[in-house]
Amino acid sequence: MDATSRIPGDTPIARTAVDDDEEATDALLRAARRAHVDLDEADPQLYDQIDAGALDSLTAHSRANERSGDFVLVADLWDRTFVVRPDAVEVYP
């Protein structure tokens, strides 16, 4: 099963663009806030579930490489599905 087959067919409850000078992890956290995740109370914390440095490196590499437009990472966090692409993060219920 590839990551794109795990993307829900529903409309996302939050979508955040990843700014050109922004790390993907920061955009993921902004998207989580928009999806009403209380990050102060979230258990487990993001860094206990995802290697932020690896995520940021993967998305930075994909942004720099024009041929990697198919990059997508799907992660289940805090009872929601997060879809991370080099240019945006979407959150699904």
PDB file of N, CA and C in Angstrom:
ATOM      1  N   MET A   1       0.849  -1.167   0.000  1.00  0.00           N
ATOM      2  CA  MET A   1       0.000   0.000   0.000  1.00  0.00           C
ATOM      3  C   MET A   1       0.901   1.238   0.000  1.00  0.00           C
ATOM      4  N   ASP A   2       0.660   2.157  -0.937  1.00  0.00           N
ATOM      5  CA  ASP A   2       1.437   3.385  -0.940  1.00  0.00           C
ATOM      6  C   ASP A   2       0.710   4.455  -0.123  1.00  0.00           C
ATOM      7  N   ALA A   3       1.435   5.521   0.197  1.00  0.00           N
ATOM      8  CA  ALA A   3       0.891   6.561   1.068  1.00  0.00           C
ATOM      9  C   ALA A   3      -0.353   7.205   0.480  1.00  0.00           C
ATOM     10  N   THR A   4      -0.391   7.408  -0.826  1.00  0.00           N
ATOM     11  CA  THR A   4      -1.539   8.085  -1.415  1.00  0.00           C
ATOM     12  C   THR A   4      -2.821   7.284  -1.279  1.00  0.00           C
ATOM     13  N   SER A   5      -2.732   5.980  -1.140  1.00  0.00           N
ATOM     14  CA  SER A   5      -3.936   5.176  -0.945  1.00  0.00           C
ATOM     15  C   SER A   5      -4.472   5.315   0.476  1.00  0.00           C
ATOM     16  N   ARG A   6      -3.688   5.894   1.380  1.00  0.00           N
ATOM     17  CA  ARG A   6      -4.127   6.104   2.760  1.00  0.00           C
ATOM     18  C   ARG A   6      -4.719   7.491   2.972  1.00  0.00           C
ATOM     19  N   ILE A   7      -4.704   8.356   1.952  1.00  0.00           N
ATOM     20  CA  ILE A   7      -5.255   9.696   2.101  1.00  0.00           C
ATOM     21  C   ILE A   7      -6.773   9.594   2.097  1.00  0.00           C
ATOM     22  N   PRO A   8      -7.419  10.105   3.152  1.00  0.00           N
ATOM     23  CA  PRO A   8      -8.883  10.013   3.222  1.00  0.00           C
ATOM     24  C   PRO A   8      -9.547  10.739   2.054  1.00  0.00           C
ATOM     25  N   GLY A   9     -10.719  10.276   1.678  1.00  0.00           N
ATOM     26  CA  GLY A   9     -11.475  10.906   0.609  1.00  0.00           C
ATOM     27  C   GLY A   9     -12.277  12.107   1.078  1.00  0.00           C
ATOM     28  N   ASP A  10     -12.334  12.312   2.389  1.00  0.00           N
ATOM     29  CA  ASP A  10     -13.077  13.436   2.966  1.00  0.00           C
ATOM     30  C   ASP A  10     -12.379  14.758   2.689  1.00  0.00           C
ATOM     31  N   THR A  11     -13.084  15.824   2.956  1.00  0.00           N
ATOM     32  CA  THR A  11     -12.494  17.153   2.901  1.00  0.00           C
ATOM     33  C   THR A  11     -11.656  17.348   4.158  1.00  0.00           C
ATOM     34  N   PRO A  12     -10.452  17.906   4.041  1.00  0.00           N
ATOM     35  CA  PRO A  12      -9.644  18.113   5.248  1.00  0.00           C
ATOM     36  C   PRO A  12     -10.309  19.118   6.185  1.00  0.00           C
ATOM     37  N   ILE A  13     -10.108  18.915   7.479  1.00  0.00           N
ATOM     38  CA  ILE A  13     -10.642  19.858   8.463  1.00  0.00           C
ATOM     39  C   ILE A  13      -9.694  21.029   8.658  1.00  0.00           C
ATOM     40  N   ALA A  14      -8.478  20.896   8.193  1.00  0.00           N
ATOM     41  CA  ALA A  14      -7.498  21.988   8.241  1.00  0.00           C
ATOM     42  C   ALA A  14      -6.485  21.774   7.126  1.00  0.00           C
ATOM     43  N   ARG A  15      -6.024  22.881   6.568  1.00  0.00           N
ATOM     44  CA  ARG A  15      -4.974  22.833   5.543  1.00  0.00           C
ATOM     45  C   ARG A  15      -4.065  24.020   5.776  1.00  0.00           C
ATOM     46  N   THR A  16      -2.775  23.773   5.788  1.00  0.00           N
ATOM     47  CA  THR A  16      -1.787  24.816   6.024  1.00  0.00           C
ATOM     48  C   THR A  16      -0.719  24.735   4.949  1.00  0.00           C
ATOM     49  N   ALA A  17      -0.464  25.842   4.300  1.00  0.00           N
ATOM     50  CA  ALA A  17       0.624  25.905   3.327  1.00  0.00           C
ATOM     51  C   ALA A  17       1.952  25.910   4.077  1.00  0.00           C
ATOM     52  N   VAL A  18       2.939  25.252   3.505  1.00  0.00           N
ATOM     53  CA  VAL A  18       4.286  25.274   4.060  1.00  0.00           C
ATOM     54  C   VAL A  18       5.017  26.436   3.382  1.00  0.00           C
ATOM     55  N   ASP A  19       5.341  27.456   4.160  1.00  0.00           N
ATOM     56  CA  ASP A  19       6.041  28.609   3.605  1.00  0.00           C
ATOM     57  C   ASP A  19       7.418  28.199   3.108  1.00  0.00           C
ATOM     58  N   ASP A  20       7.944  28.939   2.132  1.00  0.00           N
ATOM     59  CA  ASP A  20       9.235  28.604   1.525  1.00  0.00           C
ATOM     60  C   ASP A  20      10.370  28.512   2.536  1.00  0.00           C
ATOM     61  N   ASP A  21      10.329  29.336   3.573  1.00  0.00           N
ATOM     62  CA  ASP A  21      11.404  29.361   4.566  1.00  0.00           C
ATOM     63  C   ASP A  21      11.027  28.634   5.857  1.00  0.00           C
ATOM     64  N   GLU A  22       9.995  27.786   5.787  1.00  0.00           N
ATOM     65  CA  GLU A  22       9.469  27.116   6.972  1.00  0.00           C
ATOM     66  C   GLU A  22       9.791  25.627   6.945  1.00  0.00           C
ATOM     67  N   GLU A  23      10.042  25.075   8.106  1.00  0.00           N
ATOM     68  CA  GLU A  23      10.230  23.630   8.240  1.00  0.00           C
ATOM     69  C   GLU A  23       8.861  22.951   8.202  1.00  0.00           C
ATOM     70  N   ALA A  24       8.800  21.761   7.647  1.00  0.00           N
ATOM     71  CA  ALA A  24       7.541  21.021   7.561  1.00  0.00           C
ATOM     72  C   ALA A  24       6.965  20.736   8.942  1.00  0.00           C
ATOM     73  N   THR A  25       7.824  20.496   9.914  1.00  0.00           N
ATOM     74  CA  THR A  25       7.359  20.219  11.267  1.00  0.00           C
ATOM     75  C   THR A  25       6.596  21.408  11.831  1.00  0.00           C
ATOM     76  N   ASP A  26       7.079  22.621  11.590  1.00  0.00           N
ATOM     77  CA  ASP A  26       6.377  23.819  12.068  1.00  0.00           C
ATOM     78  C   ASP A  26       5.009  23.943  11.401  1.00  0.00           C
ATOM     79  N   ALA A  27       4.946  23.660  10.106  1.00  0.00           N
ATOM     80  CA  ALA A  27       3.666  23.703   9.398  1.00  0.00           C
ATOM     81  C   ALA A  27       2.720  22.626   9.929  1.00  0.00           C
ATOM     82  N   LEU A  28       3.248  21.447  10.245  1.00  0.00           N
ATOM     83  CA  LEU A  28       2.425  20.382  10.809  1.00  0.00           C
ATOM     84  C   LEU A  28       1.826  20.826  12.142  1.00  0.00           C
ATOM     85  N   LEU A  29       2.618  21.475  12.968  1.00  0.00           N
ATOM     86  CA  LEU A  29       2.115  21.949  14.261  1.00  0.00           C
ATOM     87  C   LEU A  29       1.071  23.048  14.074  1.00  0.00           C
ATOM     88  N   ARG A  30       1.270  23.935  13.089  1.00  0.00           N
ATOM     89  CA  ARG A  30       0.255  24.966  12.807  1.00  0.00           C
ATOM     90  C   ARG A  30      -1.038  24.321  12.330  1.00  0.00           C
ATOM     91  N   ALA A  31      -0.925  23.307  11.481  1.00  0.00           N
ATOM     92  CA  ALA A  31      -2.116  22.606  10.997  1.00  0.00           C
ATOM     93  C   ALA A  31      -2.835  21.910  12.153  1.00  0.00           C
ATOM     94  N   ALA A  32      -2.094  21.336  13.067  1.00  0.00           N
ATOM     95  CA  ALA A  32      -2.698  20.678  14.228  1.00  0.00           C
ATOM     96  C   ALA A  32      -3.495  21.686  15.061  1.00  0.00           C
ATOM     97  N   ARG A  33      -2.924  22.865  15.262  1.00  0.00           N
ATOM     98  CA  ARG A  33      -3.657  23.902  16.011  1.00  0.00           C
ATOM     99  C   ARG A  33      -4.943  24.292  15.282  1.00  0.00           C
ATOM    100  N   ARG A  34      -4.860  24.413  13.960  1.00  0.00           N
ATOM    101  CA  ARG A  34      -6.063  24.754  13.179  1.00  0.00           C
ATOM    102  C   ARG A  34      -7.116  23.658  13.261  1.00  0.00           C
ATOM    103  N   ALA A  35      -6.680  22.439  13.483  1.00  0.00           N
ATOM    104  CA  ALA A  35      -7.600  21.305  13.628  1.00  0.00           C
ATOM    105  C   ALA A  35      -8.021  21.116  15.087  1.00  0.00           C
ATOM    106  N   HIS A  36      -7.710  22.094  15.921  1.00  0.00           N
ATOM    107  CA  HIS A  36      -8.102  22.126  17.332  1.00  0.00           C
ATOM    108  C   HIS A  36      -7.440  21.038  18.173  1.00  0.00           C
ATOM    109  N   VAL A  37      -6.208  20.709  17.852  1.00  0.00           N
ATOM    110  CA  VAL A  37      -5.420  19.814  18.703  1.00  0.00           C
ATOM    111  C   VAL A  37      -4.791  20.687  19.774  1.00  0.00           C
ATOM    112  N   ASP A  38      -5.024  20.361  21.032  1.00  0.00           N
ATOM    113  CA  ASP A  38      -4.412  21.091  22.140  1.00  0.00           C
ATOM    114  C   ASP A  38      -3.004  20.537  22.329  1.00  0.00           C
ATOM    115  N   LEU A  39      -2.050  21.209  21.719  1.00  0.00           N
ATOM    116  CA  LEU A  39      -0.677  20.704  21.730  1.00  0.00           C
ATOM    117  C   LEU A  39      -0.043  20.729  23.114  1.00  0.00           C
ATOM    118  N   ASP A  40      -0.551  21.566  24.005  1.00  0.00           N
ATOM    119  CA  ASP A  40      -0.023  21.579  25.373  1.00  0.00           C
ATOM    120  C   ASP A  40      -0.445  20.329  26.141  1.00  0.00           C
ATOM    121  N   GLU A  41      -1.585  19.774  25.775  1.00  0.00           N
ATOM    122  CA  GLU A  41      -2.110  18.590  26.460  1.00  0.00           C
ATOM    123  C   GLU A  41      -1.954  17.309  25.646  1.00  0.00           C
ATOM    124  N   ALA A  42      -1.491  17.439  24.409  1.00  0.00           N
ATOM    125  CA  ALA A  42      -1.389  16.272  23.524  1.00  0.00           C
ATOM    126  C   ALA A  42      -0.445  15.231  24.112  1.00  0.00           C
ATOM    127  N   ASP A  43      -0.919  13.988  24.074  1.00  0.00           N
ATOM    128  CA  ASP A  43      -0.102  12.896  24.581  1.00  0.00           C
ATOM    129  C   ASP A  43      -0.279  11.717  23.635  1.00  0.00           C
ATOM    130  N   PRO A  44       0.755  11.240  23.025  1.00  0.00           N
ATOM    131  CA  PRO A  44       2.150  11.659  23.172  1.00  0.00           C
ATOM    132  C   PRO A  44       2.445  12.927  22.361  1.00  0.00           C
ATOM    133  N   GLN A  45       3.545  13.543  22.674  1.00  0.00           N
ATOM    134  CA  GLN A  45       3.987  14.734  21.962  1.00  0.00           C
ATOM    135  C   GLN A  45       4.462  14.347  20.559  1.00  0.00           C
ATOM    136  N   LEU A  46       4.477  15.326  19.659  1.00  0.00           N
ATOM    137  CA  LEU A  46       4.886  15.077  18.279  1.00  0.00           C
ATOM    138  C   LEU A  46       6.261  14.425  18.213  1.00  0.00           C
ATOM    139  N   TYR A  47       7.199  14.931  18.989  1.00  0.00           N
ATOM    140  CA  TYR A  47       8.584  14.457  18.909  1.00  0.00           C
ATOM    141  C   TYR A  47       8.753  13.038  19.453  1.00  0.00           C
ATOM    142  N   ASP A  48       7.724  12.527  20.143  1.00  0.00           N
ATOM    143  CA  ASP A  48       7.739  11.133  20.573  1.00  0.00           C
ATOM    144  C   ASP A  48       7.221  10.207  19.473  1.00  0.00           C
ATOM    145  N   GLN A  49       6.632  10.791  18.425  1.00  0.00           N
ATOM    146  CA  GLN A  49       6.005  10.003  17.365  1.00  0.00           C
ATOM    147  C   GLN A  49       6.715  10.116  16.021  1.00  0.00           C
ATOM    148  N   ILE A  50       7.325  11.272  15.763  1.00  0.00           N
ATOM    149  CA  ILE A  50       7.957  11.535  14.470  1.00  0.00           C
ATOM    150  C   ILE A  50       9.330  12.142  14.701  1.00  0.00           C
ATOM    151  N   ASP A  51      10.291  11.729  13.919  1.00  0.00           N
ATOM    152  CA  ASP A  51      11.612  12.342  13.945  1.00  0.00           C
ATOM    153  C   ASP A  51      11.516  13.640  13.138  1.00  0.00           C
ATOM    154  N   ALA A  52      11.418  14.760  13.841  1.00  0.00           N
ATOM    155  CA  ALA A  52      11.201  16.062  13.194  1.00  0.00           C
ATOM    156  C   ALA A  52      12.331  16.406  12.232  1.00  0.00           C
ATOM    157  N   GLY A  53      13.546  16.120  12.602  1.00  0.00           N
ATOM    158  CA  GLY A  53      14.682  16.406  11.725  1.00  0.00           C
ATOM    159  C   GLY A  53      14.603  15.629  10.430  1.00  0.00           C
ATOM    160  N   ALA A  54      14.201  14.379  10.512  1.00  0.00           N
ATOM    161  CA  ALA A  54      14.065  13.557   9.307  1.00  0.00           C
ATOM    162  C   ALA A  54      12.928  14.077   8.428  1.00  0.00           C
ATOM    163  N   LEU A  55      11.797  14.432   9.032  1.00  0.00           N
ATOM    164  CA  LEU A  55      10.678  14.971   8.267  1.00  0.00           C
ATOM    165  C   LEU A  55      11.078  16.263   7.558  1.00  0.00           C
ATOM    166  N   ASP A  56      11.745  17.148   8.279  1.00  0.00           N
ATOM    167  CA  ASP A  56      12.176  18.412   7.688  1.00  0.00           C
ATOM    168  C   ASP A  56      13.187  18.188   6.565  1.00  0.00           C
ATOM    169  N   SER A  57      14.093  17.242   6.746  1.00  0.00           N
ATOM    170  CA  SER A  57      15.079  16.940   5.712  1.00  0.00           C
ATOM    171  C   SER A  57      14.424  16.345   4.467  1.00  0.00           C
ATOM    172  N   LEU A  58      13.480  15.437   4.673  1.00  0.00           N
ATOM    173  CA  LEU A  58      12.783  14.832   3.536  1.00  0.00           C
ATOM    174  C   LEU A  58      12.016  15.868   2.728  1.00  0.00           C
ATOM    175  N   THR A  59      11.294  16.737   3.400  1.00  0.00           N
ATOM    176  CA  THR A  59      10.514  17.732   2.667  1.00  0.00           C
ATOM    177  C   THR A  59      11.418  18.777   2.026  1.00  0.00           C
ATOM    178  N   ALA A  60      12.500  19.145   2.680  1.00  0.00           N
ATOM    179  CA  ALA A  60      13.444  20.104   2.086  1.00  0.00           C
ATOM    180  C   ALA A  60      14.068  19.508   0.828  1.00  0.00           C
ATOM    181  N   HIS A  61      14.425  18.229   0.894  1.00  0.00           N
ATOM    182  CA  HIS A  61      14.988  17.555  -0.273  1.00  0.00           C
ATOM    183  C   HIS A  61      13.964  17.525  -1.414  1.00  0.00           C
ATOM    184  N   SER A  62      12.718  17.239  -1.093  1.00  0.00           N
ATOM    185  CA  SER A  62      11.673  17.174  -2.107  1.00  0.00           C
ATOM    186  C   SER A  62      11.421  18.537  -2.737  1.00  0.00           C
ATOM    187  N   ARG A  63      11.492  19.597  -1.950  1.00  0.00           N
ATOM    188  CA  ARG A  63      11.326  20.947  -2.500  1.00  0.00           C
ATOM    189  C   ARG A  63      12.460  21.285  -3.461  1.00  0.00           C
ATOM    190  N   ALA A  64      13.667  20.846  -3.141  1.00  0.00           N
ATOM    191  CA  ALA A  64      14.840  21.164  -3.948  1.00  0.00           C
ATOM    192  C   ALA A  64      14.901  20.332  -5.230  1.00  0.00           C
ATOM    193  N   ASN A  65      14.229  19.208  -5.234  1.00  0.00           N
ATOM    194  CA  ASN A  65      14.271  18.292  -6.367  1.00  0.00           C
ATOM    195  C   ASN A  65      12.944  18.374  -7.120  1.00  0.00           C
ATOM    196  N   GLU A  66      12.954  18.961  -8.291  1.00  0.00           N
ATOM    197  CA  GLU A  66      11.726  19.167  -9.055  1.00  0.00           C
ATOM    198  C   GLU A  66      11.002  17.869  -9.396  1.00  0.00           C
ATOM    199  N   ARG A  67      11.715  16.786  -9.521  1.00  0.00           N
ATOM    200  CA  ARG A  67      11.101  15.519  -9.917  1.00  0.00           C
ATOM    201  C   ARG A  67      10.412  14.813  -8.763  1.00  0.00           C
ATOM    202  N   SER A  68      10.513  15.308  -7.544  1.00  0.00           N
ATOM    203  CA  SER A  68       9.930  14.589  -6.416  1.00  0.00           C
ATOM    204  C   SER A  68       8.587  15.168  -6.005  1.00  0.00           C
ATOM    205  N   GLY A  69       7.810  15.636  -6.962  1.00  0.00           N
ATOM    206  CA  GLY A  69       6.509  16.206  -6.677  1.00  0.00           C
ATOM    207  C   GLY A  69       5.516  15.211  -6.101  1.00  0.00           C
ATOM    208  N   ASP A  70       5.821  13.934  -6.167  1.00  0.00           N
ATOM    209  CA  ASP A  70       4.923  12.917  -5.641  1.00  0.00           C
ATOM    210  C   ASP A  70       5.146  12.631  -4.159  1.00  0.00           C
ATOM    211  N   PHE A  71       6.072  13.342  -3.519  1.00  0.00           N
ATOM    212  CA  PHE A  71       6.360  13.091  -2.106  1.00  0.00           C
ATOM    213  C   PHE A  71       5.121  13.346  -1.262  1.00  0.00           C
ATOM    214  N   VAL A  72       4.753  12.366  -0.467  1.00  0.00           N
ATOM    215  CA  VAL A  72       3.649  12.519   0.480  1.00  0.00           C
ATOM    216  C   VAL A  72       3.930  11.597   1.670  1.00  0.00           C
ATOM    217  N   LEU A  73       3.670  12.123   2.851  1.00  0.00           N
ATOM    218  CA  LEU A  73       3.812  11.330   4.070  1.00  0.00           C
ATOM    219  C   LEU A  73       2.473  11.378   4.784  1.00  0.00           C
ATOM    220  N   VAL A  74       1.954  10.224   5.148  1.00  0.00           N
ATOM    221  CA  VAL A  74       0.686  10.136   5.869  1.00  0.00           C
ATOM    222  C   VAL A  74       0.989   9.612   7.266  1.00  0.00           C
ATOM    223  N   ALA A  75       0.516  10.355   8.273  1.00  0.00           N
ATOM    224  CA  ALA A  75       0.772   9.960   9.659  1.00  0.00           C
ATOM    225  C   ALA A  75      -0.503  10.097  10.478  1.00  0.00           C
ATOM    226  N   ASP A  76      -0.764   9.112  11.308  1.00  0.00           N
ATOM    227  CA  ASP A  76      -1.889   9.175  12.236  1.00  0.00           C
ATOM    228  C   ASP A  76      -1.376   9.723  13.558  1.00  0.00           C
ATOM    229  N   LEU A  77      -1.848  10.921  13.892  1.00  0.00           N
ATOM    230  CA  LEU A  77      -1.429  11.611  15.109  1.00  0.00           C
ATOM    231  C   LEU A  77      -2.659  12.168  15.822  1.00  0.00           C
ATOM    232  N   TRP A  78      -2.737  11.989  17.113  1.00  0.00           N
ATOM    233  CA  TRP A  78      -3.794  12.591  17.939  1.00  0.00           C
ATOM    234  C   TRP A  78      -5.193  12.330  17.378  1.00  0.00           C
ATOM    235  N   ASP A  79      -5.447  11.095  16.977  1.00  0.00           N
ATOM    236  CA  ASP A  79      -6.749  10.665  16.455  1.00  0.00           C
ATOM    237  C   ASP A  79      -7.161  11.388  15.176  1.00  0.00           C
ATOM    238  N   ARG A  80      -6.182  11.864  14.425  1.00  0.00           N
ATOM    239  CA  ARG A  80      -6.418  12.513  13.140  1.00  0.00           C
ATOM    240  C   ARG A  80      -5.390  11.994  12.145  1.00  0.00           C
ATOM    241  N   THR A  81      -5.676  12.167  10.868  1.00  0.00           N
ATOM    242  CA  THR A  81      -4.731  11.780   9.826  1.00  0.00           C
ATOM    243  C   THR A  81      -4.117  13.038   9.243  1.00  0.00           C
ATOM    244  N   PHE A  82      -2.791  13.092   9.260  1.00  0.00           N
ATOM    245  CA  PHE A  82      -2.041  14.227   8.725  1.00  0.00           C
ATOM    246  C   PHE A  82      -1.396  13.796   7.414  1.00  0.00           C
ATOM    247  N   VAL A  83      -1.567  14.624   6.400  1.00  0.00           N
ATOM    248  CA  VAL A  83      -0.968  14.377   5.093  1.00  0.00           C
ATOM    249  C   VAL A  83       0.027  15.510   4.854  1.00  0.00           C
ATOM    250  N   VAL A  84       1.298  15.151   4.780  1.00  0.00           N
ATOM    251  CA  VAL A  84       2.364  16.144   4.625  1.00  0.00           C
ATOM    252  C   VAL A  84       2.912  16.035   3.215  1.00  0.00           C
ATOM    253  N   ARG A  85       2.895  17.158   2.529  1.00  0.00           N
ATOM    254  CA  ARG A  85       3.507  17.293   1.211  1.00  0.00           C
ATOM    255  C   ARG A  85       4.524  18.417   1.302  1.00  0.00           C
ATOM    256  N   PRO A  86       5.403  18.557   0.350  1.00  0.00           N
ATOM    257  CA  PRO A  86       6.407  19.634   0.427  1.00  0.00           C
ATOM    258  C   PRO A  86       5.801  21.038   0.507  1.00  0.00           C
ATOM    259  N   ASP A  87       4.582  21.222  -0.012  1.00  0.00           N
ATOM    260  CA  ASP A  87       3.994  22.556  -0.042  1.00  0.00           C
ATOM    261  C   ASP A  87       2.814  22.763   0.899  1.00  0.00           C
ATOM    262  N   ALA A  88       2.321  21.693   1.560  1.00  0.00           N
ATOM    263  CA  ALA A  88       1.148  21.839   2.421  1.00  0.00           C
ATOM    264  C   ALA A  88       1.011  20.664   3.374  1.00  0.00           C
ATOM    265  N   VAL A  89       0.270  20.933   4.467  1.00  0.00           N
ATOM    266  CA  VAL A  89      -0.097  19.894   5.423  1.00  0.00           C
ATOM    267  C   VAL A  89      -1.614  19.935   5.541  1.00  0.00           C
ATOM    268  N   GLU A  90      -2.244  18.768   5.397  1.00  0.00           N
ATOM    269  CA  GLU A  90      -3.688  18.656   5.550  1.00  0.00           C
ATOM    270  C   GLU A  90      -3.984  17.746   6.733  1.00  0.00           C
ATOM    271  N   VAL A  91      -5.112  18.041   7.408  1.00  0.00           N
ATOM    272  CA  VAL A  91      -5.531  17.253   8.561  1.00  0.00           C
ATOM    273  C   VAL A  91      -6.936  16.734   8.280  1.00  0.00           C
ATOM    274  N   TYR A  92      -7.129  15.437   8.508  1.00  0.00           N
ATOM    275  CA  TYR A  92      -8.413  14.790   8.296  1.00  0.00           C
ATOM    276  C   TYR A  92      -8.909  14.212   9.610  1.00  0.00           C
ATOM    277  N   PRO A  93     -10.251  14.162   9.748  1.00  0.00           N
ATOM    278  CA  PRO A  93     -10.813  13.597  11.007  1.00  0.00           C
ATOM    279  C   PRO A  93     -10.551  12.106  11.121  1.00  0.00           C
TER     280      PRO A  93
END
